[in-house]
C-alpha atoms as a PDB file:
ATOM      1  CA  MET A   1     -75.306  44.997 -45.613  1.00  0.00           C
ATOM      2  CA  HIS A   2     -74.013  48.501 -45.034  1.00  0.00           C
ATOM      3  CA  ASP A   3     -70.508  47.362 -45.967  1.00  0.00           C
ATOM      4  CA  LEU A   4     -71.786  46.704 -49.495  1.00  0.00           C
ATOM      5  CA  ASP A   5     -74.138  49.692 -49.696  1.00  0.00           C
ATOM      6  CA  PRO A   6     -74.047  52.338 -46.937  1.00  0.00           C
ATOM      7  CA  ALA A   7     -77.362  53.781 -48.173  1.00  0.00           C
ATOM      8  CA  ALA A   8     -79.190  50.448 -48.035  1.00  0.00           C
ATOM      9  CA  GLN A   9     -82.254  50.249 -45.855  1.00  0.00           C
ATOM     10  CA  ASP A  10     -82.255  47.372 -43.409  1.00  0.00           C
ATOM     11  CA  GLU A  11     -84.481  46.001 -40.677  1.00  0.00           C
ATOM     12  CA  ALA A  12     -82.574  47.424 -37.700  1.00  0.00           C
ATOM     13  CA  GLY A  13     -85.407  49.745 -36.719  1.00  0.00           C
ATOM     14  CA  LEU A  14     -88.188  47.181 -36.953  1.00  0.00           C
ATOM     15  CA  SER A  15     -89.862  45.470 -34.008  1.00  0.00           C
ATOM     16  CA  GLY A  16     -87.988  42.365 -32.945  1.00  0.00           C
ATOM     17  CA  ALA A  17     -84.833  43.283 -34.853  1.00  0.00           C
ATOM     18  CA  ARG A  18     -82.619  43.161 -31.770  1.00  0.00           C
ATOM     19  CA  GLU A  19     -82.121  40.479 -29.175  1.00  0.00           C
ATOM     20  CA  GLY A  20     -84.637  40.673 -26.343  1.00  0.00           C
ATOM     21  CA  HIS A  21     -87.001  43.093 -28.065  1.00  0.00           C
ATOM     22  CA  LEU A  22     -89.693  40.481 -28.773  1.00  0.00           C
ATOM     23  CA  VAL A  23     -89.665  39.515 -25.090  1.00  0.00           C
ATOM     24  CA  GLU A  24     -90.109  43.175 -24.118  1.00  0.00           C
ATOM     25  CA  LEU A  25     -93.012  43.558 -26.538  1.00  0.00           C
ATOM     26  CA  PHE A  26     -94.719  40.358 -25.387  1.00  0.00           C
ATOM     27  CA  GLU A  27     -94.390  41.320 -21.714  1.00  0.00           C
ATOM     28  CA  ARG A  28     -95.705  44.837 -22.416  1.00  0.00           C
ATOM     29  CA  ALA A  29     -98.689  43.200 -24.095  1.00  0.00           C
ATOM     30  CA  GLY A  30     -99.427  41.357 -20.853  1.00  0.00           C
ATOM     31  CA  LEU A  31     -98.165  37.895 -21.755  1.00  0.00           C
ATOM     32  CA  ASP A  32     -96.666  35.709 -19.028  1.00  0.00           C
ATOM     33  CA  HIS A  33     -93.939  33.073 -19.060  1.00  0.00           C
ATOM     34  CA  VAL A  34     -92.310  34.615 -22.122  1.00  0.00           C
ATOM     35  CA  GLU A  35     -89.399  32.581 -23.471  1.00  0.00           C
ATOM     36  CA  GLN A  36     -86.910  33.658 -26.118  1.00  0.00           C
ATOM     37  CA  THR A  37     -85.091  31.361 -28.504  1.00  0.00           C
ATOM     38  CA  THR A  38     -82.825  31.994 -31.472  1.00  0.00           C
ATOM     39  CA  LEU A  39     -82.793  30.459 -34.927  1.00  0.00           C
ATOM     40  CA  ALA A  40     -79.496  30.517 -36.804  1.00  0.00           C
ATOM     41  CA  VAL A  41     -79.735  30.540 -40.568  1.00  0.00           C
ATOM     42  CA  ARG A  42     -77.098  30.444 -43.273  1.00  0.00           C
ATOM     43  CA  LEU A  43     -77.511  32.817 -46.181  1.00  0.00           C
ATOM     44  CA  ARG A  44     -75.313  30.903 -48.620  1.00  0.00           C
ATOM     45  CA  ASP A  45     -77.800  30.806 -51.501  1.00  0.00           C
ATOM     46  CA  ARG A  46     -78.587  34.507 -51.334  1.00  0.00           C
ATOM     47  CA  CYS A  47     -74.889  35.379 -51.141  1.00  0.00           C
ATOM     48  CA  ALA A  48     -74.219  33.232 -54.197  1.00  0.00           C
ATOM     49  CA  GLU A  49     -76.814  35.278 -56.072  1.00  0.00           C
ATOM     50  CA  LEU A  50     -75.379  38.637 -55.002  1.00  0.00           C
ATOM     51  CA  LEU A  51     -71.641  38.093 -54.714  1.00  0.00           C
ATOM     52  CA  PRO A  52     -69.082  36.801 -57.174  1.00  0.00           C
ATOM     53  CA  PRO A  53     -67.617  33.346 -56.460  1.00  0.00           C
ATOM     54  CA  PRO A  54     -66.131  32.160 -54.259  1.00  0.00           C
ATOM     55  CA  SER A  55     -68.525  33.466 -51.666  1.00  0.00           C
ATOM     56  CA  SER A  56     -68.375  32.458 -48.062  1.00  0.00           C
ATOM     57  CA  HIS A  57     -71.315  31.913 -45.783  1.00  0.00           C
ATOM     58  CA  ILE A  58     -72.977  34.583 -43.705  1.00  0.00           C
ATOM     59  CA  ASP A  59     -74.638  33.568 -40.485  1.00  0.00           C
ATOM     60  CA  ALA A  60     -77.781  35.388 -39.456  1.00  0.00           C
ATOM     61  CA  VAL A  61     -79.871  35.144 -36.332  1.00  0.00           C
ATOM     62  CA  ALA A  62     -83.633  35.379 -35.992  1.00  0.00           C
ATOM     63  CA  TRP A  63     -85.175  35.759 -32.555  1.00  0.00           C
ATOM     64  CA  THR A  64     -88.412  34.066 -31.601  1.00  0.00           C
ATOM     65  CA  ALA A  65     -90.577  34.367 -28.516  1.00  0.00           C
ATOM     66  CA  LEU A  66     -93.410  32.397 -26.989  1.00  0.00           C
ATOM     67  CA  GLY A  67     -95.749  33.732 -24.311  1.00  0.00           C
ATOM     68  CA  ARG A  68     -99.056  32.836 -22.710  1.00  0.00           C
ATOM     69  CA  ALA A  69    -101.962  35.142 -22.012  1.00  0.00           C
END
């Protein structure tokens, strides 16, 4: 995003915005057996809205975590 607009605000500072951070938060909250997985998504439709054709795809990653109290 910063390549298009260096002043753009992004989610880099939010909780869970980096790999492993959700696991850290879950463990700090006292959850056990915390597992992390990743979800890969393709942002083709959004890129088509924002960029002139032909646009390529942009891969993004979302981290998920599951823990038990």
